[in-house]
Amino acid sequence: MRDENGMRARQKTWNRSELLVVFRLYCRTPFGRLHHRNPEIIELARLIGRTPSAVSMKACNFASLDPQLKLETSAP
């Protein structure tokens, strides 16, 4: 990400409340809908001052830690 002067912008650290609302969204959203074009992700991003891509990436980070999802994706 670049700022208005073309300099690389500093990444904003996720705070606890942001993580909790993204985790809640993750818990109620099917894995295939965790993308930056999902209207719920777009709205949440707007509310917390993040980009839809950042929110979807964080939700996918939660998915990578989900043991149930790992079981479902590794089943034959």
Foldseek 3Di string as FASTA:
>chain_A
DADPVRHDDDDDDDDPVLLVVLCVVLVPDPLVQLQLVRPVLCVSCVVVVHHSHVSSVSSVVVVVVDPVNVVVVPDD
